[in-house]
Amino acid sequence: MNSLLIAAETAAAAGGVSGSLTLAVAGAGAAIGIGMIGAKAVEAVGRNPGASGKVLTLSIIAMALAEAIAIYALIIAFVQMR
């Protein structure tokens, strides 16, 4: 935990560019993750249409978790720019 705090302070000391870079990388990662989840969900429903309700539920939860990473990065970016 202490090393994580030191890493955050070091990144904050680097300036405003690090916050933008953090947000860009996390946003790109979340976008790729959400795209992969959507593609696999469509593939799963194509293979087994009867499981569409379960697949939809699980894919929405997975997409929300992937999007949460981007929101965490947004918070970190604002803290670093402060």
Protein backbone atom coordinates (compact mmCIF):
# COMPACT_ATOMS: atom_id res chain seq x y z
CA MET A 1 0.00 0.00 0.00
CA ASN A 2 2.83 2.36 0.85
CA SER A 3 4.57 1.72 -2.49
CA LEU A 4 1.31 2.52 -4.29
CA LEU A 5 1.11 5.85 -2.49
CA ILE A 6 4.73 6.63 -3.38
CA ALA A 7 4.06 5.77 -7.03
CA ALA A 8 0.99 8.04 -7.07
CA GLU A 9 2.94 10.91 -5.53
CA THR A 10 5.76 10.43 -8.04
CA ALA A 11 3.31 10.48 -10.93
CA ALA A 12 1.64 13.58 -9.52
CA ALA A 13 5.00 15.32 -9.28
CA ALA A 14 5.62 14.65 -12.97
CA GLY A 15 3.07 17.28 -13.97
CA GLY A 16 -0.21 17.57 -15.87
CA VAL A 17 0.91 15.41 -18.77
CA SER A 18 0.94 12.29 -16.60
CA GLY A 19 -2.73 12.77 -15.70
CA SER A 20 -3.68 13.05 -19.35
CA LEU A 21 -1.54 10.06 -20.21
CA THR A 22 -3.11 8.03 -17.41
CA LEU A 23 -6.58 8.86 -18.65
CA ALA A 24 -5.70 8.12 -22.28
CA VAL A 25 -4.23 4.71 -21.53
CA ALA A 26 -7.08 3.72 -19.21
CA GLY A 27 -9.69 4.97 -21.66
CA ALA A 28 -8.14 3.03 -24.52
CA GLY A 29 -7.90 -0.09 -22.39
CA ALA A 30 -11.51 0.21 -21.28
CA ALA A 31 -12.67 0.76 -24.87
CA ILE A 32 -10.79 -2.31 -26.09
CA GLY A 33 -12.14 -4.37 -23.19
CA ILE A 34 -15.73 -3.30 -23.79
CA GLY A 35 -15.39 -4.06 -27.50
CA MET A 36 -14.05 -7.53 -26.77
CA ILE A 37 -16.83 -8.21 -24.27
CA GLY A 38 -19.46 -7.12 -26.78
CA ALA A 39 -17.96 -9.22 -29.56
CA LYS A 40 -17.79 -12.32 -27.40
CA ALA A 41 -21.34 -11.76 -26.14
CA VAL A 42 -22.66 -11.59 -29.70
CA GLU A 43 -20.66 -14.71 -30.57
CA ALA A 44 -22.05 -16.55 -27.54
CA VAL A 45 -25.64 -15.65 -28.41
CA GLY A 46 -25.01 -16.73 -32.00
CA ARG A 47 -23.83 -20.12 -30.79
CA ASN A 48 -26.58 -20.58 -28.19
CA PRO A 49 -29.59 -18.26 -28.65
CA GLY A 50 -31.36 -19.79 -25.67
CA ALA A 51 -28.77 -18.34 -23.29
CA SER A 52 -29.20 -14.77 -24.48
CA GLY A 53 -30.67 -13.56 -21.17
CA LYS A 54 -27.78 -14.88 -19.09
CA VAL A 55 -25.19 -13.69 -21.62
CA LEU A 56 -26.74 -10.22 -21.71
CA THR A 57 -26.71 -9.94 -17.92
CA LEU A 58 -23.12 -11.08 -17.58
CA SER A 59 -21.91 -8.90 -20.43
CA ILE A 60 -23.55 -5.78 -18.98
CA ILE A 61 -21.89 -6.46 -15.61
CA ALA A 62 -18.52 -7.03 -17.29
CA MET A 63 -18.85 -3.85 -19.35
CA ALA A 64 -19.70 -1.86 -16.22
CA LEU A 65 -16.61 -3.20 -14.47
CA ALA A 66 -14.43 -2.34 -17.47
CA GLU A 67 -15.89 1.18 -17.57
CA ALA A 68 -15.21 1.58 -13.84
CA ILE A 69 -11.48 1.33 -14.58
CA ALA A 70 -11.77 4.36 -16.87
CA ILE A 71 -13.68 6.25 -14.17
CA TYR A 72 -10.97 5.42 -11.62
CA ALA A 73 -8.38 6.74 -14.08
CA LEU A 74 -10.40 9.94 -14.49
CA ILE A 75 -10.34 10.47 -10.73
CA ILE A 76 -6.60 9.80 -10.62
CA ALA A 77 -6.03 12.22 -13.51
CA PHE A 78 -7.90 15.00 -11.71
CA VAL A 79 -5.97 14.34 -8.51
CA GLN A 80 -2.67 14.46 -10.42
CA MET A 81 -3.57 17.75 -12.11
CA ARG A 82 -4.33 19.38 -8.79
